[in-house]
N, C-alpha and C. Protein backbone atom coordinates (compact mmCIF):
# COMPACT_ATOMS: atom_id res chain seq x y z
N MET A 1 30.54 6.83 -10.78
CA MET A 1 31.53 6.33 -11.71
C MET A 1 31.75 7.33 -12.83
N ARG A 2 33.00 7.44 -13.28
CA ARG A 2 33.33 8.42 -14.31
C ARG A 2 33.54 7.76 -15.66
N HIS A 3 32.70 6.83 -16.01
CA HIS A 3 32.86 6.15 -17.28
C HIS A 3 32.74 7.13 -18.44
N ARG A 4 33.71 7.10 -19.34
CA ARG A 4 33.74 7.90 -20.58
C ARG A 4 33.71 9.41 -20.31
N LYS A 5 34.21 9.82 -19.17
CA LYS A 5 34.32 11.25 -18.88
C LYS A 5 35.80 11.62 -18.91
N ALA A 6 36.23 12.25 -19.99
CA ALA A 6 37.64 12.59 -20.17
C ALA A 6 37.97 13.91 -19.50
N GLY A 7 39.16 14.04 -19.03
CA GLY A 7 39.63 15.30 -18.47
C GLY A 7 39.33 15.45 -16.99
N LYS A 8 40.04 16.35 -16.38
CA LYS A 8 39.87 16.64 -14.96
C LYS A 8 38.86 17.77 -14.80
N SER A 9 38.14 17.76 -13.68
CA SER A 9 37.14 18.80 -13.46
C SER A 9 37.75 20.08 -12.89
N LEU A 10 38.94 20.00 -12.32
CA LEU A 10 39.65 21.14 -11.74
C LEU A 10 38.83 21.86 -10.68
N ASN A 11 37.86 21.19 -10.10
CA ASN A 11 37.01 21.76 -9.05
C ASN A 11 36.29 23.01 -9.52
N ARG A 12 35.85 23.02 -10.77
CA ARG A 12 35.17 24.18 -11.36
C ARG A 12 33.93 23.72 -12.10
N THR A 13 33.05 24.68 -12.37
CA THR A 13 31.91 24.37 -13.23
C THR A 13 32.42 24.23 -14.66
N ALA A 14 31.59 23.71 -15.54
CA ALA A 14 32.01 23.47 -16.92
C ALA A 14 32.42 24.77 -17.61
N SER A 15 31.66 25.83 -17.43
CA SER A 15 31.97 27.09 -18.09
C SER A 15 33.25 27.71 -17.53
N HIS A 16 33.42 27.62 -16.22
CA HIS A 16 34.64 28.16 -15.59
C HIS A 16 35.86 27.37 -16.04
N ARG A 17 35.73 26.06 -16.11
CA ARG A 17 36.83 25.20 -16.55
C ARG A 17 37.22 25.52 -17.99
N LYS A 18 36.21 25.68 -18.85
CA LYS A 18 36.47 26.00 -20.26
C LYS A 18 37.18 27.34 -20.37
N ALA A 19 36.72 28.34 -19.62
CA ALA A 19 37.35 29.66 -19.65
C ALA A 19 38.78 29.60 -19.14
N THR A 20 39.02 28.84 -18.08
CA THR A 20 40.37 28.71 -17.51
C THR A 20 41.32 28.11 -18.54
N LEU A 21 40.90 27.03 -19.17
CA LEU A 21 41.77 26.34 -20.13
C LEU A 21 42.02 27.19 -21.37
N CYS A 22 41.00 27.92 -21.81
CA CYS A 22 41.18 28.81 -22.96
C CYS A 22 42.12 29.95 -22.63
N ASN A 23 42.01 30.49 -21.43
CA ASN A 23 42.91 31.58 -21.01
C ASN A 23 44.35 31.09 -20.87
N LEU A 24 44.52 29.88 -20.34
CA LEU A 24 45.87 29.32 -20.24
C LEU A 24 46.47 29.11 -21.62
N SER A 25 45.67 28.63 -22.57
CA SER A 25 46.15 28.43 -23.93
C SER A 25 46.54 29.75 -24.58
N ALA A 26 45.70 30.76 -24.39
CA ALA A 26 46.00 32.08 -24.96
C ALA A 26 47.30 32.64 -24.38
N ALA A 27 47.48 32.49 -23.09
CA ALA A 27 48.71 32.98 -22.45
C ALA A 27 49.92 32.21 -22.98
N LEU A 28 49.76 30.92 -23.21
CA LEU A 28 50.87 30.12 -23.75
C LEU A 28 51.24 30.57 -25.15
N PHE A 29 50.25 30.84 -25.99
CA PHE A 29 50.55 31.29 -27.34
C PHE A 29 51.21 32.66 -27.34
N GLU A 30 50.83 33.49 -26.40
CA GLU A 30 51.38 34.83 -26.34
C GLU A 30 52.80 34.85 -25.79
N ARG A 31 53.06 34.07 -24.71
CA ARG A 31 54.34 34.14 -24.01
C ARG A 31 55.27 32.97 -24.31
N LYS A 32 54.79 31.95 -24.96
CA LYS A 32 55.55 30.75 -25.35
C LYS A 32 55.84 29.81 -24.18
N HIS A 33 55.68 30.26 -22.94
CA HIS A 33 55.75 29.36 -21.79
C HIS A 33 55.04 30.00 -20.60
N ILE A 34 54.40 29.16 -19.78
CA ILE A 34 53.68 29.65 -18.62
C ILE A 34 53.95 28.74 -17.44
N THR A 35 53.84 29.28 -16.24
CA THR A 35 53.99 28.51 -15.02
C THR A 35 52.62 28.38 -14.37
N THR A 36 52.21 27.15 -14.10
CA THR A 36 50.92 26.88 -13.49
C THR A 36 51.00 25.57 -12.72
N THR A 37 49.88 25.11 -12.19
CA THR A 37 49.91 23.83 -11.50
C THR A 37 50.03 22.71 -12.52
N GLU A 38 50.52 21.59 -12.06
CA GLU A 38 50.77 20.46 -12.95
C GLU A 38 49.49 19.96 -13.61
N VAL A 39 48.41 19.86 -12.85
CA VAL A 39 47.14 19.35 -13.38
C VAL A 39 46.57 20.31 -14.44
N LYS A 40 46.63 21.62 -14.14
CA LYS A 40 46.14 22.60 -15.12
C LYS A 40 47.00 22.57 -16.38
N ALA A 41 48.30 22.40 -16.22
CA ALA A 41 49.19 22.35 -17.37
C ALA A 41 48.86 21.17 -18.27
N LYS A 42 48.60 20.02 -17.66
CA LYS A 42 48.28 18.83 -18.45
C LYS A 42 46.94 18.97 -19.16
N GLU A 43 45.98 19.63 -18.52
CA GLU A 43 44.68 19.84 -19.15
C GLU A 43 44.77 20.90 -20.24
N ALA A 44 45.52 21.97 -19.99
CA ALA A 44 45.69 23.03 -20.99
C ALA A 44 46.43 22.50 -22.21
N ARG A 45 47.29 21.52 -21.99
CA ARG A 45 48.03 20.91 -23.11
C ARG A 45 47.07 20.30 -24.11
N ARG A 46 45.99 19.68 -23.64
CA ARG A 46 45.03 19.06 -24.54
C ARG A 46 44.39 20.11 -25.46
N VAL A 47 43.97 21.23 -24.88
CA VAL A 47 43.34 22.29 -25.66
C VAL A 47 44.34 22.91 -26.63
N THR A 48 45.53 23.16 -26.14
CA THR A 48 46.57 23.82 -26.93
C THR A 48 46.98 22.98 -28.14
N GLU A 49 47.18 21.70 -27.92
CA GLU A 49 47.61 20.83 -29.02
C GLU A 49 46.54 20.75 -30.09
N ARG A 50 45.28 20.72 -29.71
CA ARG A 50 44.19 20.69 -30.70
C ARG A 50 44.17 21.98 -31.51
N LEU A 51 44.38 23.11 -30.85
CA LEU A 51 44.38 24.40 -31.55
C LEU A 51 45.56 24.51 -32.52
N ILE A 52 46.71 24.01 -32.13
CA ILE A 52 47.87 24.06 -33.03
C ILE A 52 47.63 23.17 -34.25
N THR A 53 47.07 21.99 -34.03
CA THR A 53 46.75 21.10 -35.15
C THR A 53 45.74 21.78 -36.08
N LEU A 54 44.76 22.45 -35.53
CA LEU A 54 43.77 23.18 -36.32
C LEU A 54 44.45 24.30 -37.11
N ALA A 55 45.41 24.98 -36.49
CA ALA A 55 46.07 26.13 -37.12
C ALA A 55 46.99 25.72 -38.26
N LYS A 56 47.41 24.47 -38.28
CA LYS A 56 48.27 24.01 -39.38
C LYS A 56 47.51 24.05 -40.70
N ASN A 57 46.18 23.94 -40.64
CA ASN A 57 45.33 24.07 -41.81
C ASN A 57 44.81 25.51 -41.84
N ASP A 58 45.53 26.40 -42.49
CA ASP A 58 45.24 27.84 -42.43
C ASP A 58 44.10 28.20 -43.37
N THR A 59 42.88 28.06 -42.86
CA THR A 59 41.70 28.45 -43.62
C THR A 59 40.88 29.42 -42.77
N VAL A 60 39.93 30.08 -43.42
CA VAL A 60 39.07 31.02 -42.70
C VAL A 60 38.25 30.27 -41.65
N HIS A 61 37.77 29.09 -42.02
CA HIS A 61 36.98 28.29 -41.08
C HIS A 61 37.79 27.92 -39.85
N ALA A 62 39.04 27.51 -40.07
CA ALA A 62 39.90 27.15 -38.94
C ALA A 62 40.17 28.36 -38.05
N ARG A 63 40.36 29.52 -38.65
CA ARG A 63 40.59 30.73 -37.87
C ARG A 63 39.35 31.08 -37.04
N ARG A 64 38.18 30.88 -37.60
CA ARG A 64 36.96 31.20 -36.86
C ARG A 64 36.75 30.25 -35.69
N ILE A 65 37.08 28.98 -35.88
CA ILE A 65 36.97 28.01 -34.78
C ILE A 65 37.96 28.38 -33.67
N ALA A 66 39.19 28.74 -34.06
CA ALA A 66 40.19 29.15 -33.06
C ALA A 66 39.76 30.42 -32.34
N LEU A 67 39.16 31.35 -33.07
CA LEU A 67 38.70 32.60 -32.47
C LEU A 67 37.57 32.34 -31.47
N LYS A 68 36.76 31.33 -31.77
CA LYS A 68 35.67 30.97 -30.85
C LYS A 68 36.24 30.50 -29.52
N THR A 69 37.39 29.82 -29.56
CA THR A 69 38.01 29.32 -28.34
C THR A 69 38.85 30.40 -27.66
N LEU A 70 39.70 31.08 -28.40
CA LEU A 70 40.67 32.02 -27.81
C LEU A 70 40.10 33.41 -27.56
N ARG A 71 39.11 33.83 -28.30
CA ARG A 71 38.37 35.08 -28.11
C ARG A 71 39.18 36.36 -28.34
N GLU A 72 40.39 36.28 -28.83
CA GLU A 72 41.18 37.47 -29.13
C GLU A 72 41.82 37.32 -30.50
N ARG A 73 41.51 38.26 -31.37
CA ARG A 73 42.00 38.18 -32.76
C ARG A 73 43.53 38.23 -32.80
N ARG A 74 44.13 39.03 -31.91
CA ARG A 74 45.59 39.17 -31.89
C ARG A 74 46.27 37.83 -31.59
N ILE A 75 45.72 37.07 -30.66
CA ILE A 75 46.32 35.79 -30.30
C ILE A 75 46.10 34.75 -31.40
N VAL A 76 44.96 34.83 -32.07
CA VAL A 76 44.72 33.93 -33.20
C VAL A 76 45.73 34.20 -34.30
N GLN A 77 46.05 35.46 -34.53
CA GLN A 77 47.06 35.81 -35.53
C GLN A 77 48.43 35.26 -35.13
N ILE A 78 48.77 35.37 -33.86
CA ILE A 78 50.04 34.81 -33.39
C ILE A 78 50.07 33.31 -33.64
N LEU A 79 48.96 32.64 -33.32
CA LEU A 79 48.88 31.20 -33.50
C LEU A 79 49.05 30.80 -34.96
N PHE A 80 48.33 31.45 -35.85
CA PHE A 80 48.35 31.06 -37.25
C PHE A 80 49.58 31.55 -38.00
N ASN A 81 50.10 32.73 -37.64
CA ASN A 81 51.22 33.31 -38.39
C ASN A 81 52.59 32.93 -37.85
N ASP A 82 52.71 32.74 -36.53
CA ASP A 82 54.02 32.49 -35.94
C ASP A 82 54.21 31.04 -35.49
N ILE A 83 53.23 30.51 -34.80
CA ILE A 83 53.40 29.21 -34.15
C ILE A 83 53.15 28.04 -35.10
N ALA A 84 52.03 28.05 -35.80
CA ALA A 84 51.67 26.92 -36.67
C ALA A 84 52.70 26.64 -37.77
N PRO A 85 53.26 27.67 -38.43
CA PRO A 85 54.28 27.37 -39.45
C PRO A 85 55.51 26.65 -38.89
N GLN A 86 55.84 26.91 -37.63
CA GLN A 86 56.99 26.23 -37.01
C GLN A 86 56.74 24.73 -36.85
N PHE A 87 55.46 24.36 -36.66
CA PHE A 87 55.11 22.97 -36.42
C PHE A 87 54.52 22.29 -37.66
N SER A 88 54.70 22.86 -38.84
CA SER A 88 54.05 22.33 -40.04
C SER A 88 54.49 20.90 -40.36
N GLU A 89 55.72 20.54 -40.07
CA GLU A 89 56.23 19.20 -40.35
C GLU A 89 56.09 18.25 -39.17
N ARG A 90 55.74 18.75 -38.03
CA ARG A 90 55.69 17.94 -36.82
C ARG A 90 54.31 17.29 -36.69
N PRO A 91 54.24 15.99 -36.46
CA PRO A 91 52.94 15.31 -36.40
C PRO A 91 52.19 15.48 -35.08
N GLY A 92 52.82 15.98 -34.05
CA GLY A 92 52.16 16.16 -32.75
C GLY A 92 53.19 16.44 -31.69
N GLY A 93 52.76 16.54 -30.47
CA GLY A 93 53.69 16.80 -29.37
C GLY A 93 54.28 18.19 -29.44
N TYR A 94 53.41 19.18 -29.50
CA TYR A 94 53.85 20.56 -29.67
C TYR A 94 54.22 21.22 -28.35
N THR A 95 53.81 20.64 -27.25
CA THR A 95 54.06 21.25 -25.95
C THR A 95 54.84 20.32 -25.04
N ARG A 96 55.41 20.90 -24.00
CA ARG A 96 56.19 20.14 -23.03
C ARG A 96 55.80 20.62 -21.63
N VAL A 97 55.63 19.67 -20.71
CA VAL A 97 55.34 20.00 -19.32
C VAL A 97 56.58 19.67 -18.49
N VAL A 98 57.17 20.69 -17.89
CA VAL A 98 58.37 20.53 -17.05
C VAL A 98 57.94 20.70 -15.60
N LYS A 99 58.13 19.68 -14.80
CA LYS A 99 57.70 19.72 -13.40
C LYS A 99 58.71 20.49 -12.56
N LEU A 100 58.20 21.35 -11.68
CA LEU A 100 59.05 22.22 -10.88
C LEU A 100 59.16 21.83 -9.41
N GLY A 101 58.19 21.14 -8.89
CA GLY A 101 58.17 20.84 -7.46
C GLY A 101 56.93 21.44 -6.84
N GLN A 102 56.93 21.55 -5.51
CA GLN A 102 55.73 22.02 -4.82
C GLN A 102 55.77 23.51 -4.54
N ARG A 103 54.60 24.12 -4.61
CA ARG A 103 54.45 25.54 -4.31
C ARG A 103 54.57 25.75 -2.81
N GLN A 104 55.19 26.85 -2.42
CA GLN A 104 55.47 27.11 -1.00
C GLN A 104 54.20 27.23 -0.17
N GLY A 105 53.20 27.95 -0.67
CA GLY A 105 52.03 28.26 0.13
C GLY A 105 51.15 27.08 0.46
N ASP A 106 50.71 26.34 -0.58
CA ASP A 106 49.75 25.28 -0.36
C ASP A 106 50.25 23.89 -0.75
N GLY A 107 51.46 23.80 -1.23
CA GLY A 107 52.03 22.49 -1.55
C GLY A 107 51.56 21.93 -2.88
N ALA A 108 50.91 22.74 -3.72
CA ALA A 108 50.45 22.27 -5.02
C ALA A 108 51.66 22.02 -5.92
N ARG A 109 51.58 20.96 -6.71
CA ARG A 109 52.68 20.64 -7.62
C ARG A 109 52.65 21.62 -8.80
N MET A 110 53.77 22.28 -9.04
CA MET A 110 53.87 23.30 -10.09
C MET A 110 54.59 22.74 -11.30
N ALA A 111 54.33 23.36 -12.46
CA ALA A 111 54.96 22.93 -13.69
C ALA A 111 55.03 24.10 -14.67
N ILE A 112 55.93 23.99 -15.63
CA ILE A 112 56.02 24.96 -16.72
C ILE A 112 55.46 24.27 -17.96
N LEU A 113 54.52 24.92 -18.62
CA LEU A 113 53.99 24.45 -19.89
C LEU A 113 54.62 25.32 -20.96
N GLU A 114 55.36 24.71 -21.89
CA GLU A 114 56.04 25.50 -22.91
C GLU A 114 55.88 24.87 -24.27
N LEU A 115 55.99 25.70 -25.28
CA LEU A 115 55.94 25.22 -26.66
C LEU A 115 57.30 24.67 -27.04
N VAL A 116 57.32 23.51 -27.65
CA VAL A 116 58.58 22.89 -28.07
C VAL A 116 59.17 23.74 -29.20
N GLY A 117 60.46 24.02 -29.12
CA GLY A 117 61.12 24.80 -30.16
C GLY A 117 61.15 26.28 -29.87
N PHE A 118 60.44 26.74 -28.86
CA PHE A 118 60.41 28.15 -28.50
C PHE A 118 61.14 28.40 -27.19
N GLU A 119 62.04 27.50 -26.79
CA GLU A 119 62.79 27.68 -25.56
C GLU A 119 63.68 28.90 -25.66
N THR A 120 63.97 29.33 -26.87
CA THR A 120 64.82 30.50 -27.04
C THR A 120 64.18 31.75 -26.45
N ALA A 121 62.85 31.74 -26.30
CA ALA A 121 62.20 32.91 -25.72
C ALA A 121 62.70 33.14 -24.30
N SER A 122 62.80 32.08 -23.50
CA SER A 122 63.29 32.25 -22.13
C SER A 122 64.80 32.51 -22.13
N LYS A 123 65.53 31.92 -23.07
CA LYS A 123 66.97 32.17 -23.15
C LYS A 123 67.23 33.63 -23.53
N LYS A 124 66.43 34.16 -24.47
CA LYS A 124 66.61 35.54 -24.87
C LYS A 124 66.32 36.48 -23.71
N LYS A 125 65.29 36.14 -22.93
CA LYS A 125 64.93 36.97 -21.79
C LYS A 125 66.07 36.98 -20.78
N LYS A 126 66.67 35.81 -20.52
CA LYS A 126 67.79 35.74 -19.58
C LYS A 126 68.96 36.56 -20.10
N ALA A 127 69.25 36.45 -21.40
CA ALA A 127 70.35 37.20 -21.99
C ALA A 127 70.08 38.71 -21.90
N LYS A 128 68.82 39.09 -22.13
CA LYS A 128 68.45 40.50 -22.05
C LYS A 128 68.62 41.02 -20.63
N ASP A 129 68.22 40.23 -19.64
CA ASP A 129 68.38 40.62 -18.24
C ASP A 129 69.85 40.77 -17.87
N LYS A 130 70.69 39.83 -18.36
CA LYS A 130 72.12 39.92 -18.08
C LYS A 130 72.71 41.19 -18.71
N ALA A 131 72.29 41.50 -19.94
CA ALA A 131 72.80 42.70 -20.60
C ALA A 131 72.37 43.95 -19.84
N LYS A 132 71.15 43.96 -19.33
CA LYS A 132 70.65 45.10 -18.57
C LYS A 132 71.46 45.27 -17.28
N GLU A 133 71.73 44.16 -16.59
CA GLU A 133 72.53 44.22 -15.37
C GLU A 133 73.94 44.73 -15.66
N ALA A 134 74.53 44.25 -16.76
CA ALA A 134 75.88 44.69 -17.13
C ALA A 134 75.89 46.19 -17.43
N LYS A 135 74.84 46.66 -18.09
CA LYS A 135 74.75 48.08 -18.41
C LYS A 135 74.65 48.92 -17.14
N GLU A 136 73.85 48.46 -16.18
CA GLU A 136 73.73 49.17 -14.91
C GLU A 136 75.05 49.18 -14.15
N ASP A 137 75.78 48.06 -14.19
CA ASP A 137 77.08 47.99 -13.52
C ASP A 137 78.06 48.98 -14.13
N THR A 138 78.07 49.07 -15.46
CA THR A 138 78.99 50.01 -16.10
C THR A 138 78.62 51.45 -15.76
N LYS A 139 77.30 51.73 -15.65
CA LYS A 139 76.89 53.09 -15.26
C LYS A 139 77.39 53.41 -13.86
N LYS A 140 77.27 52.47 -12.94
CA LYS A 140 77.73 52.68 -11.57
C LYS A 140 79.24 52.90 -11.53
N LYS A 141 79.98 52.11 -12.31
CA LYS A 141 81.43 52.25 -12.35
C LYS A 141 81.83 53.61 -12.91
N ARG A 142 81.15 54.04 -13.99
CA ARG A 142 81.46 55.34 -14.59
C ARG A 142 81.18 56.47 -13.60
N LYS A 143 80.07 56.36 -12.89
CA LYS A 143 79.72 57.40 -11.93
C LYS A 143 80.76 57.46 -10.81
N ALA A 144 81.18 56.31 -10.31
CA ALA A 144 82.19 56.28 -9.25
C ALA A 144 83.50 56.86 -9.75
N LYS A 145 83.86 56.51 -10.99
CA LYS A 145 85.09 57.01 -11.58
C LYS A 145 85.02 58.53 -11.77
N ALA A 146 83.87 59.03 -12.21
CA ALA A 146 83.69 60.46 -12.41
C ALA A 146 83.80 61.21 -11.08
N ASP A 147 83.21 60.66 -10.04
CA ASP A 147 83.30 61.29 -8.72
C ASP A 147 84.75 61.33 -8.24
N LYS A 148 85.47 60.24 -8.47
CA LYS A 148 86.87 60.16 -8.06
C LYS A 148 87.71 61.18 -8.84
N ASP A 149 87.49 61.25 -10.17
CA ASP A 149 88.23 62.20 -11.00
C ASP A 149 87.94 63.64 -10.60
N GLU A 150 86.71 63.92 -10.23
CA GLU A 150 86.34 65.28 -9.82
C GLU A 150 87.08 65.68 -8.55
N GLU A 151 87.23 64.76 -7.62
CA GLU A 151 87.96 65.04 -6.40
C GLU A 151 89.43 65.28 -6.68
N ILE A 152 89.98 64.54 -7.63
CA ILE A 152 91.40 64.69 -7.97
C ILE A 152 91.64 66.02 -8.68
N GLU A 153 90.74 66.41 -9.61
CA GLU A 153 90.91 67.64 -10.37
C GLU A 153 90.75 68.88 -9.49
N ASN A 154 89.84 68.86 -8.54
CA ASN A 154 89.55 70.02 -7.71
C ASN A 154 89.80 69.71 -6.24
N PRO A 155 91.06 69.53 -5.86
CA PRO A 155 91.31 69.22 -4.46
C PRO A 155 91.04 70.42 -3.56
N GLU A 156 91.18 71.67 -4.12
CA GLU A 156 90.95 72.87 -3.32
C GLU A 156 89.49 72.95 -2.89
N GLU A 157 88.59 72.66 -3.85
CA GLU A 157 87.16 72.75 -3.55
C GLU A 157 86.78 71.73 -2.49
N SER A 158 87.34 70.54 -2.62
CA SER A 158 87.00 69.52 -1.64
C SER A 158 87.56 69.89 -0.26
N SER A 159 88.78 70.52 -0.24
CA SER A 159 89.34 70.93 1.05
C SER A 159 88.56 72.12 1.60
N LYS A 160 88.09 73.05 0.71
CA LYS A 160 87.29 74.18 1.16
C LYS A 160 85.99 73.69 1.78
N SER A 161 85.37 72.73 1.11
CA SER A 161 84.11 72.23 1.65
C SER A 161 84.34 71.54 2.99
N ALA A 162 85.48 70.89 3.14
CA ALA A 162 85.81 70.26 4.42
C ALA A 162 86.04 71.32 5.48
N LYS A 163 86.73 72.44 5.10
CA LYS A 163 86.98 73.52 6.05
C LYS A 163 85.68 74.16 6.50
N THR A 164 84.78 74.40 5.53
CA THR A 164 83.52 75.04 5.90
C THR A 164 82.71 74.14 6.82
N LYS A 165 82.77 72.87 6.62
CA LYS A 165 82.08 71.94 7.50
C LYS A 165 82.66 72.00 8.91
N ASN A 166 84.00 72.05 8.96
CA ASN A 166 84.67 72.13 10.28
C ASN A 166 84.34 73.46 10.96
N GLU A 167 84.29 74.57 10.19
CA GLU A 167 83.96 75.87 10.77
C GLU A 167 82.55 75.89 11.31
N LYS A 168 81.62 75.24 10.58
CA LYS A 168 80.23 75.20 11.03
C LYS A 168 80.13 74.42 12.33
N LYS A 169 80.87 73.34 12.43
CA LYS A 169 80.86 72.53 13.66
C LYS A 169 81.40 73.35 14.83
N ALA A 170 82.48 74.12 14.54
CA ALA A 170 83.08 74.92 15.60
C ALA A 170 82.12 76.03 16.04
N SER A 171 81.42 76.63 15.10
CA SER A 171 80.48 77.71 15.45
C SER A 171 79.27 77.17 16.20
N ASP A 172 78.89 75.92 15.96
CA ASP A 172 77.76 75.31 16.67
C ASP A 172 78.12 75.08 18.12
N ILE A 173 79.37 74.87 18.43
CA ILE A 173 79.80 74.56 19.79
C ILE A 173 79.85 75.82 20.55
């Protein structure tokens, strides 16, 4: 019986489970959203929400407790300087779990764990990718146009190169 045993075991030992959840939380703070299994996302949400609540009280003691969990000073700084001030007025519910469906390989239910209010991170990434694609398209168009203009400006050279090709073919025969 699992009386008074909170949380899922995730088929791991206690230390492995703790490390997994801490790593998921650190990745979430760094990237603002992560894709993982639904069960891991729901468990990581518990750790993440506690850390954000702790970070709202910006003291040295709170930073040390967060550092004990996250183990990276850079991520603790992100949590306390960027994320916690955004949630200063919010009483809870800092994360959202969006269900994606089943994974192709093993059928595990997948989900996105994201920080509420930071959806712009994924929107910015999409916009950046679109801008990059547009830039590549314009480069291709310019290159094609330059090649076309070169043929128009130097028709003699293009005809000479065609003649030399034909002469080489004739000499090979």
